[in-house]
Protein backbone atom coordinates (compact mmCIF):
# COMPACT_ATOMS: atom_id res chain seq x y z
CA MET A 1 -0.90 12.72 42.76
CA GLY A 2 1.38 9.94 41.38
CA PHE A 3 0.37 6.40 40.50
CA GLU A 4 0.44 4.98 44.01
CA VAL A 5 -2.62 3.16 45.27
CA PHE A 6 -5.08 5.69 46.60
CA SER A 7 -6.78 5.55 49.97
CA GLN A 8 -10.05 5.20 48.07
CA VAL A 9 -9.10 1.76 46.76
CA ALA A 10 -10.96 -0.12 49.49
CA THR A 11 -14.20 1.73 48.81
CA SER A 12 -13.72 1.80 45.03
CA ALA A 13 -13.66 -2.00 44.96
CA SER A 14 -17.32 -2.00 45.92
CA VAL A 15 -18.37 0.43 43.18
CA SER A 16 -20.28 -1.44 40.49
CA GLN A 17 -19.24 0.86 37.64
CA SER A 18 -15.50 1.48 37.65
CA ILE A 19 -13.28 2.30 34.67
CA TYR A 20 -9.51 2.64 34.46
CA ILE A 21 -8.52 4.75 31.45
CA VAL A 22 -5.11 5.40 29.88
CA ALA A 23 -4.05 8.00 27.29
CA GLY A 24 -0.45 9.01 26.64
CA GLU A 25 -0.62 11.93 24.21
CA VAL A 26 -2.30 15.35 24.01
CA SER A 27 -4.81 14.19 21.39
CA GLY A 28 -5.58 11.10 23.47
CA ASP A 29 -6.18 13.31 26.50
CA THR A 30 -8.72 15.33 24.53
CA HIS A 31 -10.50 12.23 23.24
CA GLY A 32 -10.34 10.64 26.69
CA ALA A 33 -11.96 13.63 28.38
CA CYS A 34 -14.78 13.70 25.82
CA LEU A 35 -15.32 9.95 26.20
CA MET A 36 -15.36 10.23 30.00
CA SER A 37 -17.96 13.01 29.87
CA ALA A 38 -20.11 10.94 27.51
CA LEU A 39 -19.81 7.95 29.83
CA GLN A 40 -20.87 10.05 32.80
CA GLU A 41 -24.04 10.93 30.92
CA GLN A 42 -24.81 7.27 30.27
CA LEU A 43 -23.42 5.83 33.53
CA PRO A 44 -24.01 8.47 36.24
CA GLU A 45 -22.43 6.31 38.95
CA VAL A 46 -19.23 5.56 37.05
CA VAL A 47 -15.90 6.14 38.83
CA PHE A 48 -12.74 6.81 36.80
CA HIS A 49 -9.09 6.19 37.65
CA GLY A 50 -6.13 6.16 35.33
CA ALA A 51 -3.55 8.28 33.53
CA GLY A 52 -3.95 11.00 30.94
CA GLY A 53 -3.59 14.75 30.75
CA PRO A 54 -5.13 17.95 32.14
CA GLU A 55 -8.42 17.56 30.27
CA MET A 56 -9.04 14.06 31.62
CA GLN A 57 -7.92 15.16 35.08
CA ALA A 58 -10.52 17.93 34.96
CA VAL A 59 -13.20 15.24 34.59
CA SER A 60 -11.84 13.02 37.37
CA GLU A 61 -9.35 13.90 40.09
CA HIS A 62 -8.33 10.22 40.20
CA VAL A 63 -6.66 10.53 36.77
CA THR A 64 -2.94 11.29 36.94
CA ASN A 65 -1.54 13.87 34.52
CA TRP A 66 1.47 12.27 32.83
CA VAL A 67 1.03 13.35 29.19
CA GLU A 68 3.76 15.97 29.12
CA ASP A 69 6.38 13.33 29.98
CA ALA A 70 4.72 10.37 28.26
CA ALA A 71 4.30 11.92 24.80
CA VAL A 72 7.71 10.81 23.53
CA MET A 73 8.16 10.23 19.79
CA GLY A 74 10.65 7.95 18.06
CA ILE A 75 12.42 4.70 18.92
CA VAL A 76 15.58 6.40 20.19
CA GLU A 77 13.68 8.77 22.50
CA VAL A 78 11.60 5.93 23.93
CA LEU A 79 14.75 3.90 24.64
CA LYS A 80 16.32 6.89 26.41
CA HIS A 81 13.31 7.02 28.71
CA TYR A 82 12.90 3.26 29.11
CA LYS A 83 13.52 3.22 32.87
CA TRP A 84 10.94 5.95 33.45
CA PHE A 85 8.33 4.17 31.32
CA LYS A 86 9.01 0.87 33.10
CA GLN A 87 8.44 2.53 36.48
CA ARG A 88 5.16 4.10 35.31
CA PHE A 89 4.06 0.79 33.79
CA ASP A 90 4.65 -1.11 37.03
CA GLU A 91 3.03 1.55 39.22
CA MET A 92 -0.07 1.75 37.04
CA LEU A 93 -0.37 -2.03 36.92
CA ARG A 94 -0.17 -2.26 40.72
CA GLU A 95 -2.80 0.43 41.07
CA LEU A 96 -5.12 -1.21 38.57
CA VAL A 97 -4.79 -4.65 40.19
CA ALA A 98 -5.66 -3.11 43.56
CA LEU A 99 -8.67 -1.28 42.11
CA LYS A 100 -9.96 -4.24 40.09
CA PRO A 101 -11.97 -2.05 37.68
CA ASP A 102 -14.81 -3.47 35.63
CA VAL A 103 -13.36 -2.02 32.43
CA LEU A 104 -9.96 -0.87 31.22
CA VAL A 105 -10.14 1.68 28.37
CA LEU A 106 -6.96 2.25 26.35
CA ILE A 107 -6.79 5.23 24.01
CA ASP A 108 -4.40 5.01 21.04
CA TYR A 109 -0.73 5.14 22.27
CA PRO A 110 0.02 1.55 21.13
CA GLY A 111 3.66 1.23 22.20
CA PHE A 112 2.61 1.38 25.84
CA ASN A 113 -1.04 0.41 25.78
CA LEU A 114 -0.78 -2.89 23.92
CA ARG A 115 1.82 -4.15 26.39
CA PHE A 116 -0.26 -2.86 29.26
CA ALA A 117 -3.32 -4.72 27.93
CA THR A 118 -1.37 -7.99 27.90
CA ALA A 119 -0.18 -7.52 31.47
CA VAL A 120 -3.68 -6.66 32.70
CA ARG A 121 -5.22 -9.64 30.93
CA GLU A 122 -2.78 -11.95 32.73
CA GLN A 123 -3.44 -10.50 36.18
CA LEU A 124 -7.11 -9.52 35.92
CA PRO A 125 -8.82 -11.94 33.52
CA ASP A 126 -12.29 -10.68 34.51
CA THR A 127 -11.64 -7.01 33.64
CA LYS A 128 -13.03 -6.09 30.23
CA ILE A 129 -10.39 -4.44 28.02
CA VAL A 130 -11.52 -1.89 25.43
CA TYR A 131 -9.29 -0.17 22.91
CA TYR A 132 -10.55 3.20 21.63
CA ILE A 133 -8.94 4.71 18.53
CA SER A 134 -7.31 1.59 17.23
CA PRO A 135 -3.55 1.53 16.63
CA GLN A 136 -2.64 1.49 12.95
CA VAL A 137 -1.14 -1.99 13.11
CA TRP A 138 -2.79 -2.68 9.75
CA ALA A 139 -0.10 -0.38 8.31
CA TRP A 140 3.02 -1.35 10.24
CA ASN A 141 2.55 -4.67 12.03
CA LYS A 142 -0.38 -6.86 11.01
CA GLY A 143 1.23 -9.72 12.90
CA ARG A 144 0.08 -8.13 16.17
CA ILE A 145 -3.62 -8.35 15.27
CA PRO A 146 -4.16 -12.01 16.34
CA LYS A 147 -2.55 -11.27 19.71
CA MET A 148 -4.76 -8.22 20.11
CA ALA A 149 -7.81 -10.36 19.33
CA ALA A 150 -6.77 -12.76 22.10
CA THR A 151 -6.17 -9.94 24.60
CA LEU A 152 -8.90 -7.36 23.99
CA ASP A 153 -12.65 -7.66 24.50
CA LEU A 154 -13.69 -4.77 22.26
CA MET A 155 -12.10 -2.57 19.62
CA LEU A 156 -13.67 0.81 18.91
CA CYS A 157 -12.21 2.08 15.62
CA ILE A 158 -12.46 5.49 13.95
CA PHE A 159 -11.87 4.47 10.31
CA PRO A 160 -14.53 2.33 8.59
CA PHE A 161 -12.07 0.00 6.86
CA GLU A 162 -10.54 -0.98 10.22
CA GLN A 163 -13.66 -2.82 11.35
CA GLU A 164 -13.30 -5.68 8.88
CA ILE A 165 -9.56 -5.99 9.54
CA PHE A 166 -9.96 -6.56 13.28
CA GLN A 167 -13.28 -8.39 13.08
CA SER A 168 -11.85 -10.95 10.66
CA ALA A 169 -9.26 -11.81 13.34
CA GLY A 170 -12.04 -12.62 15.80
CA LEU A 171 -11.97 -9.34 17.73
CA LYS A 172 -15.35 -7.71 18.32
CA THR A 173 -15.03 -4.35 16.57
CA VAL A 174 -17.36 -1.37 16.21
CA PHE A 175 -16.83 1.61 13.92
CA THR A 176 -17.91 4.57 16.06
CA GLY A 177 -16.93 7.34 13.65
CA HIS A 178 -14.03 9.78 13.82
CA PRO A 179 -13.95 12.32 16.70
CA LEU A 180 -12.54 14.82 14.21
CA VAL A 181 -16.04 15.22 12.74
CA ASP A 182 -17.32 16.60 16.06
CA GLU A 183 -14.29 18.83 16.54
CA LEU A 184 -14.58 20.38 13.09
CA GLU A 185 -18.30 21.08 13.47
CA GLU A 186 -17.31 23.63 16.11
CA LYS A 187 -14.59 25.10 13.88
CA LYS A 188 -16.70 25.78 10.80
CA ILE A 189 -17.13 29.43 9.87
CA ASP A 190 -19.07 31.12 7.10
CA VAL A 191 -16.35 32.89 5.11
CA PRO A 192 -15.68 33.20 1.37
CA ARG A 193 -12.51 31.72 -0.07
CA GLU A 194 -9.90 34.33 -0.94
CA ASP A 195 -8.74 34.23 -4.56
CA GLY A 196 -5.06 33.42 -4.91
CA LEU A 197 -4.49 32.65 -1.23
CA VAL A 198 -2.33 29.56 -0.59
CA GLY A 199 -2.45 27.98 2.85
CA LEU A 200 0.79 26.54 4.22
CA PHE A 201 0.45 23.83 6.89
CA PRO A 202 3.92 22.52 7.86
CA GLY A 203 2.85 20.35 10.82
CA SER A 204 2.79 20.69 14.58
CA ARG A 205 6.22 19.32 15.52
CA GLU A 206 9.55 21.15 15.40
CA ARG A 207 11.23 18.57 13.17
CA GLU A 208 8.35 18.64 10.70
CA VAL A 209 8.47 22.42 10.48
CA ALA A 210 12.29 22.41 10.13
CA ARG A 211 12.09 19.98 7.19
CA LEU A 212 8.95 21.14 5.43
CA PHE A 213 8.53 24.87 5.94
CA PRO A 214 11.73 25.84 4.04
CA LEU A 215 10.33 23.82 1.10
CA MET A 216 7.03 25.72 1.30
CA VAL A 217 8.77 29.10 1.58
CA GLU A 218 11.09 28.41 -1.37
CA THR A 219 8.11 27.32 -3.44
CA ALA A 220 6.28 30.54 -2.53
CA ARG A 221 9.37 32.57 -3.49
CA ARG A 222 9.49 30.95 -6.95
CA MET A 223 5.75 31.34 -7.49
CA HIS A 224 5.87 34.98 -6.42
CA VAL A 225 8.25 35.75 -9.30
CA HIS A 226 5.71 34.54 -11.88
CA HIS A 227 2.52 35.49 -10.08
CA PRO A 228 3.07 38.39 -7.66
CA GLU A 229 -0.70 38.64 -7.12
CA TRP A 230 -0.83 35.33 -5.23
CA THR A 231 -0.41 35.44 -1.45
CA TYR A 232 0.59 32.87 1.18
CA GLU A 233 -0.40 32.35 4.77
CA ALA A 234 1.08 29.80 7.17
CA ALA A 235 -0.57 28.31 10.24
CA ALA A 236 1.72 27.69 13.23
CA ALA A 237 0.66 25.27 15.95
CA SER A 238 2.31 27.37 18.69
CA GLU A 239 4.00 30.71 19.18
CA LYS A 240 7.35 28.90 19.53
CA LEU A 241 6.91 27.33 16.10
CA ALA A 242 5.70 30.64 14.69
CA ALA A 243 8.99 32.24 15.77
CA SER A 244 10.97 29.48 14.03
CA MET A 245 8.88 29.93 10.90
CA ARG A 246 9.48 33.69 10.88
CA GLU A 247 13.23 33.02 10.98
CA ILE A 248 12.91 30.75 7.95
CA VAL A 249 10.96 33.44 6.07
CA GLN A 250 13.58 36.02 7.07
CA LYS A 251 16.40 33.90 5.65
CA SER A 252 14.49 33.44 2.38
CA GLY A 253 14.48 37.16 1.63
CA LEU A 254 10.68 37.32 1.58
CA ALA A 255 10.23 38.90 4.99
CA ASP A 256 10.16 42.47 3.67
CA THR A 257 7.73 41.66 0.86
CA GLY A 258 4.85 40.67 3.12
CA VAL A 259 4.04 37.81 0.75
CA ILE A 260 3.92 35.24 3.54
CA LYS A 261 1.91 35.86 6.69
CA ILE A 262 2.20 33.63 9.75
CA GLY A 263 -0.61 33.09 12.23
CA THR A 264 -0.77 30.99 15.41
CA GLY A 265 -3.65 28.60 15.98
CA THR A 266 -5.31 29.66 12.73
CA SER A 267 -5.22 26.39 10.78
CA HIS A 268 -8.96 25.62 10.69
CA ALA A 269 -9.94 29.14 9.70
CA LEU A 270 -7.20 29.24 7.06
CA MET A 271 -8.35 25.91 5.61
CA GLN A 272 -11.72 27.56 4.99
CA ARG A 273 -10.36 30.83 3.57
CA ALA A 274 -7.58 29.63 1.24
CA THR A 275 -8.04 28.79 -2.42
CA CYS A 276 -5.72 25.79 -2.02
CA GLY A 277 -2.88 24.64 0.17
CA VAL A 278 0.03 22.36 0.96
CA VAL A 279 -0.36 20.14 4.01
CA ALA A 280 2.11 18.02 5.98
CA SER A 281 1.08 14.37 6.20
CA GLY A 282 -0.96 13.67 9.33
CA THR A 283 -4.33 14.46 10.85
CA ALA A 284 -4.30 17.89 9.21
CA THR A 285 -4.81 16.19 5.84
CA LEU A 286 -8.16 14.83 7.11
CA GLU A 287 -9.07 18.24 8.53
CA ALA A 288 -8.32 19.93 5.21
CA ALA A 289 -10.41 17.35 3.37
CA ALA A 290 -13.39 17.73 5.70
CA LEU A 291 -13.19 21.53 5.36
CA GLY A 292 -13.07 21.33 1.56
CA LEU A 293 -9.56 22.65 0.96
CA PRO A 294 -7.91 21.38 -2.25
CA TYR A 295 -4.31 20.61 -1.36
CA CYS A 296 -1.05 18.80 -2.09
CA LEU A 297 0.44 16.54 0.56
CA VAL A 298 4.12 16.66 1.52
CA TYR A 299 6.11 14.21 3.61
CA LYS A 300 9.80 14.26 4.42
CA VAL A 301 11.72 12.49 7.20
CA ALA A 302 15.35 11.59 7.92
CA TRP A 303 16.60 8.92 5.54
CA PRO A 304 17.22 6.25 8.22
CA THR A 305 13.64 6.73 9.38
CA TRP A 306 12.39 6.51 5.80
CA VAL A 307 14.32 3.31 5.08
CA MET A 308 13.11 1.68 8.29
CA GLY A 309 9.58 2.84 7.57
CA LYS A 310 9.63 1.31 4.09
CA LEU A 311 10.55 -2.02 5.66
CA LEU A 312 7.80 -1.87 8.29
CA VAL A 313 4.91 0.03 6.74
CA LYS A 314 2.86 -1.92 4.22
CA VAL A 315 0.38 0.55 2.73
CA ASP A 316 0.04 1.98 -0.76
CA PHE A 317 -0.28 5.59 0.38
CA ILE A 318 1.09 7.92 3.05
CA GLY A 319 -1.90 10.27 3.23
CA LEU A 320 -4.85 9.34 5.44
CA VAL A 321 -7.29 10.66 2.84
CA ASN A 322 -5.85 8.37 0.17
CA ILE A 323 -5.82 5.44 2.59
CA LEU A 324 -9.44 6.14 3.53
CA ALA A 325 -10.48 6.36 -0.13
CA GLY A 326 -8.45 3.32 -1.16
CA GLU A 327 -7.10 5.29 -4.12
CA LYS A 328 -5.15 8.44 -4.91
CA VAL A 329 -7.25 11.52 -4.22
CA VAL A 330 -4.50 14.05 -3.46
CA ASP A 331 -0.97 14.20 -4.84
CA GLU A 332 1.67 12.91 -2.43
CA LEU A 333 5.10 14.51 -2.67
CA ILE A 334 7.34 12.22 -0.63
CA GLN A 335 11.06 12.47 0.22
CA THR A 336 12.98 13.41 -2.97
CA GLU A 337 9.72 14.32 -4.72
CA ALA A 338 9.02 16.88 -2.01
CA GLU A 339 10.97 19.66 -3.68
CA PRO A 340 10.04 23.19 -4.86
CA HIS A 341 9.59 22.45 -8.56
CA ASN A 342 7.07 19.64 -8.01
CA LEU A 343 5.20 21.57 -5.35
CA GLU A 344 5.04 24.65 -7.56
CA LEU A 345 3.51 22.60 -10.39
CA CYS A 346 0.91 21.11 -8.08
CA LEU A 347 -0.13 24.41 -6.50
CA THR A 348 -0.09 26.34 -9.76
CA THR A 349 -2.48 23.80 -11.31
CA LEU A 350 -4.88 24.18 -8.40
CA LEU A 351 -4.69 27.97 -8.53
CA LYS A 352 -5.15 28.26 -12.29
CA ASP A 353 -7.52 25.39 -13.08
CA GLU A 354 -10.83 26.00 -11.33
CA SER A 355 -12.32 22.80 -12.75
CA ALA A 356 -9.49 20.65 -11.35
CA ARG A 357 -9.75 22.48 -8.04
CA GLU A 358 -13.50 21.96 -7.70
CA THR A 359 -13.24 18.32 -8.75
CA LEU A 360 -10.65 17.72 -6.05
CA ARG A 361 -12.75 19.60 -3.48
CA ALA A 362 -15.74 17.36 -4.23
CA ARG A 363 -13.65 14.20 -3.94
CA LEU A 364 -12.16 15.35 -0.64
CA LEU A 365 -15.56 16.11 0.88
CA ASP A 366 -16.92 12.77 -0.34
CA THR A 367 -13.97 10.91 1.18
CA ALA A 368 -14.22 12.81 4.47
CA SER A 369 -17.91 11.90 4.69
CA ARG A 370 -16.82 8.30 5.27
CA LEU A 371 -15.55 9.34 8.71
CA GLY A 372 -19.13 9.14 9.97
CA GLU A 373 -21.63 11.50 11.53
CA PRO A 374 -21.06 13.69 14.61
CA GLY A 375 -21.36 11.88 17.93
CA ALA A 376 -18.33 9.56 17.84
CA HIS A 377 -17.62 9.82 21.57
CA ASP A 378 -21.28 9.24 22.46
CA ARG A 379 -21.39 6.11 20.30
CA ALA A 380 -18.13 4.86 21.82
CA ALA A 381 -19.49 5.47 25.31
CA ALA A 382 -22.67 3.58 24.45
CA GLU A 383 -20.64 0.52 23.40
CA ILE A 384 -18.65 0.62 26.64
CA ALA A 385 -21.83 1.08 28.69
CA LYS A 386 -23.17 -2.17 27.24
CA LEU A 387 -20.38 -3.99 29.09
CA PHE A 388 -22.05 -3.10 32.38
CA VAL A 389 -25.43 -4.57 31.45
């Protein structure tokens, strides 16, 4: 369908409840679709246009599916695709100006969406601009917050500590709760934890798996020598990643032992079955916390990325659980510390010391409770609906 101005533009201009919505990643597409459905419940006459993915497009045919091409990670990759992004930016802006929506909703994806917000504010000063799932500028670029306050009308944040940060800059901000709470409610199963089972969660991207899974496998190999009764199960985000992980296990010499099993799409179930685990830094660390899995966090990136990150990122912790708690809850094994000996010590303690394990489980559940109650998308929709009153 492209981003060109639709034939419906002339009639859409007369619709009293119109929203343009933009998401640029798979997770944003999921959140966007849920938010759109919640808005339809509260604003039955609402008309959506915008850009997202297949889930958002299923809610409204006027949403273009661009996620597969737009979900580019890293500075170098973005620069390689600069011309393409510039074309999409200009096309979307032309479409939005023609539609003159009442509200623009931007979902995460800050590299594109913050610039888009500025351009829309200049050309359509009467359109309300809402940001849902606030960009983590509090970690990497606090200097952007005053500009955001001058550009946006409403920030809907998913971490409680974000509200004060944005509100203090003069930006109306509402903590709506984390959508993860709703998602995990549907994933909870009533299963006992399996004694001696270690869950391995190397991430959902190829580079993460390439860097972190060999570390996890080597740690399992060492631990197997001392404790052959312990078992290990890895959760792959896709069958393609599962195949790569099997190759890594094959090279380790553990393939014939059956010590490490690999499943696809099994992460949430595994988080509820395992005694403990090792989790790659990211959203999975929040999922593990909410599902009560005691774990160690690992993080490893290319050294140029790490050096640049140290210059830009100004937070005391890498892990979202530790950031949310404002203190160290889980051990963070970062860069040179992310090596087999340290990981073995961490996991062995959790496997052998039931008291330490249960103490950590309680702290994780307590921290995860700060993400709010179920209903995040409904609360976000309610705040947006107020803009039409």
